[in-house]
Amino acid sequence: MSLKVELKPGEKLLIGNCVITNSDQRTRLYIDGKAPILREKDILTAETADSPAKRIYLAIQLMYIGEEVELATREYFPLVNDIVAAAPSMTPLVDQINNEILTGALYKALKSAKKLIEYEQELLDAASRGAGVSTGGEGN
């Protein structure tokens, strides 16, 4: 079964290490095969990875698309150790990401890393309000 992707005018799509840019019309693509695919909204760059959770996402993204896998793997583990040391409540989410990486489910690891980014933002928002936040693994 093909993956159906609909692109808005001007939207970009990453397939493998190729960037596809849509023209000025809405387009529907059917993709067969096992190449890594990411929509523009799901792609982080070194410049946009401006928080610890986003840097973890970027490392997983590099593993997923197959670029600099060894470097990304070496950078990933110190990042997760640091984030768990700073916020132990992130441990359940990090454990989930680690399990998905270990089983080769890198796209699922990216989805879990998005939850980590959301939870990190909740913690930052709560800290700025002086309020508490529920544990990262609950309800996810």
N, C-alpha and C. Protein backbone atom coordinates (compact mmCIF):
# COMPACT_ATOMS: atom_id res chain seq x y z
N MET A 1 0.84 -1.18 0.00
CA MET A 1 0.00 0.00 0.00
C MET A 1 0.88 1.24 0.00
N SER A 2 0.53 2.19 -0.82
CA SER A 2 1.29 3.41 -0.96
C SER A 2 0.99 4.40 0.15
N LEU A 3 1.98 5.21 0.47
CA LEU A 3 1.79 6.33 1.39
C LEU A 3 1.26 7.49 0.56
N LYS A 4 0.12 8.06 0.97
CA LYS A 4 -0.45 9.22 0.27
C LYS A 4 -0.04 10.47 1.03
N VAL A 5 0.57 11.40 0.31
CA VAL A 5 0.99 12.67 0.90
C VAL A 5 0.40 13.79 0.06
N GLU A 6 -0.30 14.69 0.74
CA GLU A 6 -0.82 15.87 0.04
C GLU A 6 0.00 17.07 0.46
N LEU A 7 0.47 17.80 -0.54
CA LEU A 7 1.31 18.97 -0.28
C LEU A 7 0.57 20.25 -0.65
N LYS A 8 0.69 21.23 0.23
CA LYS A 8 0.15 22.55 -0.05
C LYS A 8 1.07 23.25 -1.05
N PRO A 9 0.59 24.30 -1.68
CA PRO A 9 1.46 25.04 -2.59
C PRO A 9 2.73 25.52 -1.87
N GLY A 10 3.87 25.24 -2.45
CA GLY A 10 5.15 25.67 -1.90
C GLY A 10 5.67 24.81 -0.77
N GLU A 11 4.90 23.81 -0.31
CA GLU A 11 5.34 22.97 0.80
C GLU A 11 6.48 22.05 0.35
N LYS A 12 7.36 21.75 1.30
CA LYS A 12 8.51 20.89 1.03
C LYS A 12 8.33 19.54 1.70
N LEU A 13 8.96 18.55 1.11
CA LEU A 13 8.92 17.18 1.61
C LEU A 13 10.33 16.61 1.46
N LEU A 14 10.79 15.95 2.51
CA LEU A 14 12.09 15.30 2.47
C LEU A 14 11.87 13.81 2.23
N ILE A 15 12.45 13.29 1.17
CA ILE A 15 12.42 11.85 0.89
C ILE A 15 13.87 11.42 0.78
N GLY A 16 14.31 10.60 1.75
CA GLY A 16 15.73 10.25 1.81
C GLY A 16 16.51 11.50 2.12
N ASN A 17 17.47 11.82 1.27
CA ASN A 17 18.20 13.07 1.46
C ASN A 17 17.89 14.06 0.34
N CYS A 18 16.73 13.88 -0.29
CA CYS A 18 16.28 14.78 -1.35
C CYS A 18 15.12 15.64 -0.84
N VAL A 19 15.17 16.92 -1.16
CA VAL A 19 14.09 17.84 -0.80
C VAL A 19 13.24 18.05 -2.05
N ILE A 20 11.95 17.81 -1.90
CA ILE A 20 11.00 18.02 -2.97
C ILE A 20 10.17 19.23 -2.60
N THR A 21 10.09 20.21 -3.50
CA THR A 21 9.31 21.42 -3.27
C THR A 21 8.12 21.42 -4.22
N ASN A 22 6.94 21.56 -3.66
CA ASN A 22 5.73 21.59 -4.46
C ASN A 22 5.63 22.90 -5.23
N SER A 23 4.93 22.85 -6.36
CA SER A 23 4.73 24.05 -7.16
C SER A 23 3.66 24.93 -6.52
N ASP A 24 2.96 25.68 -7.31
CA ASP A 24 1.97 26.63 -6.79
C ASP A 24 0.57 26.03 -6.65
N GLN A 25 0.43 24.71 -6.84
CA GLN A 25 -0.87 24.06 -6.70
C GLN A 25 -0.78 22.94 -5.68
N ARG A 26 -1.91 22.63 -5.07
CA ARG A 26 -2.00 21.49 -4.16
C ARG A 26 -1.69 20.23 -4.97
N THR A 27 -0.89 19.33 -4.37
CA THR A 27 -0.46 18.13 -5.07
C THR A 27 -0.64 16.91 -4.18
N ARG A 28 -1.00 15.81 -4.78
CA ARG A 28 -1.12 14.53 -4.06
C ARG A 28 -0.09 13.58 -4.66
N LEU A 29 0.73 13.01 -3.77
CA LEU A 29 1.74 12.04 -4.19
C LEU A 29 1.44 10.70 -3.55
N TYR A 30 1.72 9.63 -4.27
CA TYR A 30 1.64 8.28 -3.73
C TYR A 30 3.06 7.73 -3.76
N ILE A 31 3.55 7.34 -2.61
CA ILE A 31 4.95 6.94 -2.48
C ILE A 31 5.02 5.48 -2.05
N ASP A 32 5.76 4.69 -2.82
CA ASP A 32 6.01 3.29 -2.47
C ASP A 32 7.48 3.15 -2.15
N GLY A 33 7.81 2.26 -1.24
CA GLY A 33 9.20 2.01 -0.89
C GLY A 33 9.46 2.29 0.57
N LYS A 34 10.72 2.22 0.94
CA LYS A 34 11.09 2.36 2.35
C LYS A 34 12.03 3.52 2.61
N ALA A 35 11.95 4.57 1.86
CA ALA A 35 12.79 5.74 2.09
C ALA A 35 12.23 6.55 3.26
N PRO A 36 13.11 7.16 4.06
CA PRO A 36 12.61 8.04 5.14
C PRO A 36 11.94 9.27 4.53
N ILE A 37 10.79 9.61 5.09
CA ILE A 37 9.99 10.73 4.58
C ILE A 37 9.62 11.65 5.74
N LEU A 38 9.85 12.95 5.55
CA LEU A 38 9.46 13.95 6.55
C LEU A 38 8.85 15.15 5.85
N ARG A 39 7.76 15.64 6.42
CA ARG A 39 7.17 16.90 5.92
C ARG A 39 8.00 18.08 6.44
N GLU A 40 7.90 19.16 5.76
CA GLU A 40 8.64 20.36 6.13
C GLU A 40 8.39 20.76 7.58
N LYS A 41 7.15 20.65 8.04
CA LYS A 41 6.81 21.05 9.42
C LYS A 41 7.47 20.15 10.47
N ASP A 42 7.91 18.97 10.06
CA ASP A 42 8.53 18.03 11.00
C ASP A 42 10.05 18.05 10.95
N ILE A 43 10.62 18.91 10.13
CA ILE A 43 12.08 18.96 9.97
C ILE A 43 12.66 20.05 10.86
N LEU A 44 13.67 19.67 11.64
CA LEU A 44 14.42 20.65 12.43
C LEU A 44 15.80 20.80 11.81
N THR A 45 16.35 21.98 11.96
CA THR A 45 17.73 22.23 11.55
C THR A 45 18.55 22.53 12.80
N ALA A 46 19.85 22.60 12.64
CA ALA A 46 20.71 22.92 13.78
C ALA A 46 20.33 24.29 14.36
N GLU A 47 19.88 25.20 13.50
CA GLU A 47 19.50 26.54 13.96
C GLU A 47 18.19 26.54 14.72
N THR A 48 17.24 25.68 14.32
CA THR A 48 15.94 25.66 14.99
C THR A 48 15.89 24.72 16.19
N ALA A 49 16.92 23.91 16.36
CA ALA A 49 16.99 23.00 17.52
C ALA A 49 17.57 23.79 18.69
N ASP A 50 16.72 24.64 19.29
CA ASP A 50 17.17 25.62 20.28
C ASP A 50 16.83 25.25 21.72
N SER A 51 16.58 23.97 21.97
CA SER A 51 16.33 23.51 23.33
C SER A 51 16.87 22.08 23.45
N PRO A 52 17.07 21.59 24.66
CA PRO A 52 17.59 20.22 24.81
C PRO A 52 16.69 19.17 24.13
N ALA A 53 15.38 19.26 24.28
CA ALA A 53 14.49 18.28 23.66
C ALA A 53 14.54 18.38 22.13
N LYS A 54 14.65 19.58 21.61
CA LYS A 54 14.75 19.75 20.16
C LYS A 54 16.07 19.21 19.63
N ARG A 55 17.14 19.33 20.41
CA ARG A 55 18.42 18.75 19.98
C ARG A 55 18.34 17.22 19.97
N ILE A 56 17.58 16.64 20.91
CA ILE A 56 17.36 15.20 20.90
C ILE A 56 16.58 14.83 19.63
N TYR A 57 15.54 15.58 19.32
CA TYR A 57 14.75 15.34 18.10
C TYR A 57 15.65 15.40 16.87
N LEU A 58 16.52 16.42 16.81
CA LEU A 58 17.42 16.58 15.67
C LEU A 58 18.35 15.38 15.53
N ALA A 59 18.88 14.88 16.64
CA ALA A 59 19.77 13.71 16.59
C ALA A 59 19.01 12.51 16.04
N ILE A 60 17.77 12.31 16.48
CA ILE A 60 16.96 11.19 15.98
C ILE A 60 16.62 11.40 14.51
N GLN A 61 16.33 12.63 14.14
CA GLN A 61 16.03 12.95 12.74
C GLN A 61 17.21 12.58 11.85
N LEU A 62 18.42 12.90 12.29
CA LEU A 62 19.61 12.55 11.51
C LEU A 62 19.79 11.04 11.42
N MET A 63 19.46 10.33 12.50
CA MET A 63 19.51 8.86 12.45
C MET A 63 18.48 8.35 11.43
N TYR A 64 17.28 8.92 11.49
CA TYR A 64 16.16 8.48 10.64
C TYR A 64 16.47 8.67 9.15
N ILE A 65 16.98 9.84 8.79
CA ILE A 65 17.22 10.08 7.37
C ILE A 65 18.55 9.49 6.90
N GLY A 66 19.29 8.92 7.85
CA GLY A 66 20.50 8.19 7.47
C GLY A 66 21.72 9.05 7.26
N GLU A 67 21.68 10.28 7.71
CA GLU A 67 22.83 11.16 7.59
C GLU A 67 23.56 11.21 8.93
N GLU A 68 24.85 11.05 8.89
CA GLU A 68 25.68 11.19 10.08
C GLU A 68 25.13 10.36 11.25
N VAL A 69 24.78 9.11 10.97
CA VAL A 69 24.16 8.25 11.99
C VAL A 69 25.09 8.06 13.18
N GLU A 70 26.35 7.80 12.92
CA GLU A 70 27.30 7.57 14.02
C GLU A 70 27.45 8.83 14.88
N LEU A 71 27.58 9.98 14.24
CA LEU A 71 27.70 11.25 14.98
C LEU A 71 26.42 11.53 15.77
N ALA A 72 25.27 11.33 15.13
CA ALA A 72 24.00 11.58 15.81
C ALA A 72 23.83 10.66 17.01
N THR A 73 24.24 9.41 16.86
CA THR A 73 24.12 8.46 17.97
C THR A 73 25.04 8.86 19.12
N ARG A 74 26.26 9.28 18.79
CA ARG A 74 27.20 9.72 19.85
C ARG A 74 26.67 10.95 20.57
N GLU A 75 25.99 11.85 19.87
CA GLU A 75 25.46 13.06 20.48
C GLU A 75 24.17 12.79 21.26
N TYR A 76 23.42 11.79 20.83
CA TYR A 76 22.12 11.51 21.42
C TYR A 76 22.21 11.15 22.90
N PHE A 77 23.08 10.21 23.25
CA PHE A 77 23.12 9.70 24.62
C PHE A 77 23.50 10.76 25.66
N PRO A 78 24.51 11.59 25.43
CA PRO A 78 24.76 12.67 26.41
C PRO A 78 23.58 13.64 26.53
N LEU A 79 22.87 13.88 25.42
CA LEU A 79 21.71 14.77 25.47
C LEU A 79 20.61 14.21 26.35
N VAL A 80 20.30 12.91 26.19
CA VAL A 80 19.23 12.33 27.01
C VAL A 80 19.67 12.22 28.47
N ASN A 81 20.93 11.93 28.71
CA ASN A 81 21.41 11.90 30.10
C ASN A 81 21.26 13.26 30.76
N ASP A 82 21.61 14.31 30.03
CA ASP A 82 21.51 15.68 30.57
C ASP A 82 20.06 16.08 30.83
N ILE A 83 19.16 15.75 29.90
CA ILE A 83 17.77 16.18 30.05
C ILE A 83 17.10 15.44 31.21
N VAL A 84 17.43 14.16 31.40
CA VAL A 84 16.86 13.39 32.51
C VAL A 84 17.43 13.87 33.84
N ALA A 85 18.71 14.25 33.84
CA ALA A 85 19.31 14.78 35.07
C ALA A 85 18.66 16.11 35.45
N ALA A 86 18.34 16.92 34.44
CA ALA A 86 17.73 18.23 34.71
C ALA A 86 16.25 18.11 35.06
N ALA A 87 15.57 17.15 34.45
CA ALA A 87 14.13 16.98 34.69
C ALA A 87 13.81 15.49 34.72
N PRO A 88 13.96 14.85 35.88
CA PRO A 88 13.71 13.41 35.99
C PRO A 88 12.31 12.98 35.54
N SER A 89 11.35 13.89 35.56
CA SER A 89 10.00 13.53 35.13
C SER A 89 9.93 13.22 33.63
N MET A 90 11.00 13.52 32.90
CA MET A 90 11.05 13.20 31.47
C MET A 90 11.46 11.76 31.20
N THR A 91 11.86 11.05 32.24
CA THR A 91 12.37 9.68 32.08
C THR A 91 11.42 8.76 31.32
N PRO A 92 10.11 8.74 31.62
CA PRO A 92 9.23 7.83 30.86
C PRO A 92 9.23 8.12 29.36
N LEU A 93 9.25 9.38 28.98
CA LEU A 93 9.28 9.72 27.56
C LEU A 93 10.62 9.32 26.94
N VAL A 94 11.71 9.56 27.64
CA VAL A 94 13.03 9.19 27.14
C VAL A 94 13.14 7.67 27.01
N ASP A 95 12.60 6.95 27.98
CA ASP A 95 12.60 5.48 27.90
C ASP A 95 11.84 5.00 26.67
N GLN A 96 10.72 5.63 26.40
CA GLN A 96 9.92 5.27 25.21
C GLN A 96 10.73 5.52 23.94
N ILE A 97 11.38 6.67 23.86
CA ILE A 97 12.21 7.00 22.70
C ILE A 97 13.34 5.98 22.55
N ASN A 98 14.01 5.69 23.65
CA ASN A 98 15.12 4.73 23.61
C ASN A 98 14.65 3.37 23.11
N ASN A 99 13.51 2.90 23.59
CA ASN A 99 12.98 1.60 23.14
C ASN A 99 12.70 1.61 21.64
N GLU A 100 12.16 2.70 21.15
CA GLU A 100 11.85 2.78 19.72
C GLU A 100 13.13 2.83 18.89
N ILE A 101 14.15 3.52 19.37
CA ILE A 101 15.44 3.54 18.66
C ILE A 101 16.04 2.14 18.66
N LEU A 102 16.03 1.47 19.81
CA LEU A 102 16.63 0.14 19.90
C LEU A 102 15.93 -0.89 19.01
N THR A 103 14.63 -0.71 18.79
CA THR A 103 13.90 -1.64 17.92
C THR A 103 13.91 -1.19 16.46
N GLY A 104 14.60 -0.10 16.16
CA GLY A 104 14.70 0.38 14.78
C GLY A 104 13.50 1.17 14.30
N ALA A 105 12.60 1.53 15.20
CA ALA A 105 11.41 2.30 14.84
C ALA A 105 11.72 3.79 14.97
N LEU A 106 12.57 4.29 14.09
CA LEU A 106 13.05 5.68 14.22
C LEU A 106 11.95 6.71 13.95
N TYR A 107 11.01 6.41 13.06
CA TYR A 107 9.92 7.36 12.84
C TYR A 107 9.07 7.48 14.10
N LYS A 108 8.80 6.34 14.75
CA LYS A 108 8.05 6.38 16.01
C LYS A 108 8.86 7.12 17.08
N ALA A 109 10.18 6.96 17.06
CA ALA A 109 11.03 7.69 18.01
C ALA A 109 10.90 9.19 17.78
N LEU A 110 10.80 9.61 16.52
CA LEU A 110 10.61 11.03 16.22
C LEU A 110 9.27 11.52 16.77
N LYS A 111 8.22 10.73 16.61
CA LYS A 111 6.91 11.11 17.14
C LYS A 111 6.97 11.24 18.66
N SER A 112 7.67 10.32 19.31
CA SER A 112 7.81 10.40 20.77
C SER A 112 8.66 11.59 21.17
N ALA A 113 9.66 11.91 20.36
CA ALA A 113 10.50 13.08 20.64
C ALA A 113 9.68 14.37 20.53
N LYS A 114 8.67 14.38 19.66
CA LYS A 114 7.77 15.54 19.60
C LYS A 114 7.03 15.70 20.92
N LYS A 115 6.62 14.57 21.52
CA LYS A 115 5.96 14.62 22.83
C LYS A 115 6.93 15.16 23.89
N LEU A 116 8.20 14.79 23.77
CA LEU A 116 9.22 15.28 24.69
C LEU A 116 9.36 16.79 24.56
N ILE A 117 9.34 17.29 23.34
CA ILE A 117 9.42 18.74 23.10
C ILE A 117 8.21 19.44 23.72
N GLU A 118 7.03 18.86 23.53
CA GLU A 118 5.81 19.45 24.11
C GLU A 118 5.89 19.46 25.63
N TYR A 119 6.37 18.36 26.21
CA TYR A 119 6.46 18.28 27.66
C TYR A 119 7.51 19.27 28.19
N GLU A 120 8.61 19.39 27.48
CA GLU A 120 9.64 20.36 27.87
C GLU A 120 9.03 21.77 27.90
N GLN A 121 8.22 22.08 26.90
CA GLN A 121 7.58 23.40 26.85
C GLN A 121 6.61 23.58 28.01
N GLU A 122 5.88 22.51 28.36
CA GLU A 122 4.98 22.57 29.52
C GLU A 122 5.76 22.87 30.80
N LEU A 123 6.90 22.20 30.95
CA LEU A 123 7.74 22.45 32.13
C LEU A 123 8.23 23.89 32.17
N LEU A 124 8.66 24.40 31.03
CA LEU A 124 9.14 25.78 30.97
C LEU A 124 8.02 26.77 31.27
N ASP A 125 6.84 26.49 30.71
CA ASP A 125 5.69 27.37 30.97
C ASP A 125 5.30 27.33 32.45
N ALA A 126 5.29 26.13 33.03
CA ALA A 126 4.93 25.98 34.44
C ALA A 126 5.96 26.67 35.33
N ALA A 127 7.23 26.56 34.97
CA ALA A 127 8.28 27.21 35.76
C ALA A 127 8.13 28.73 35.70
N SER A 128 7.75 29.25 34.55
CA SER A 128 7.60 30.70 34.43
C SER A 128 6.36 31.18 35.20
N ARG A 129 5.37 30.29 35.39
CA ARG A 129 4.18 30.64 36.18
C ARG A 129 4.35 30.26 37.65
N GLY A 130 5.40 29.47 37.94
CA GLY A 130 5.59 29.00 39.30
C GLY A 130 4.66 27.86 39.67
N ALA A 131 4.20 27.10 38.66
CA ALA A 131 3.25 26.00 38.89
C ALA A 131 3.91 24.66 38.62
N GLY A 132 3.24 23.59 39.02
CA GLY A 132 3.74 22.23 38.77
C GLY A 132 3.16 21.66 37.50
N VAL A 133 3.73 20.52 37.05
CA VAL A 133 3.29 19.83 35.84
C VAL A 133 3.18 18.36 36.16
N SER A 134 2.25 17.66 35.49
CA SER A 134 2.14 16.20 35.69
C SER A 134 3.36 15.51 35.10
N THR A 135 3.56 14.26 35.51
CA THR A 135 4.71 13.48 35.05
C THR A 135 4.63 13.25 33.56
N GLY A 136 5.79 13.30 32.86
CA GLY A 136 5.87 13.20 31.41
C GLY A 136 5.29 11.94 30.82
N GLY A 137 5.35 10.83 31.52
CA GLY A 137 4.86 9.58 30.97
C GLY A 137 3.37 9.36 31.15
N GLU A 138 2.72 10.15 31.93
CA GLU A 138 1.29 9.94 32.21
C GLU A 138 0.45 10.51 31.09
N GLY A 139 -0.50 9.69 30.62
CA GLY A 139 -1.44 10.16 29.62
C GLY A 139 -0.86 10.28 28.24
N ASN A 140 0.34 9.78 27.99
CA ASN A 140 0.93 9.86 26.65
C ASN A 140 0.88 8.55 25.94
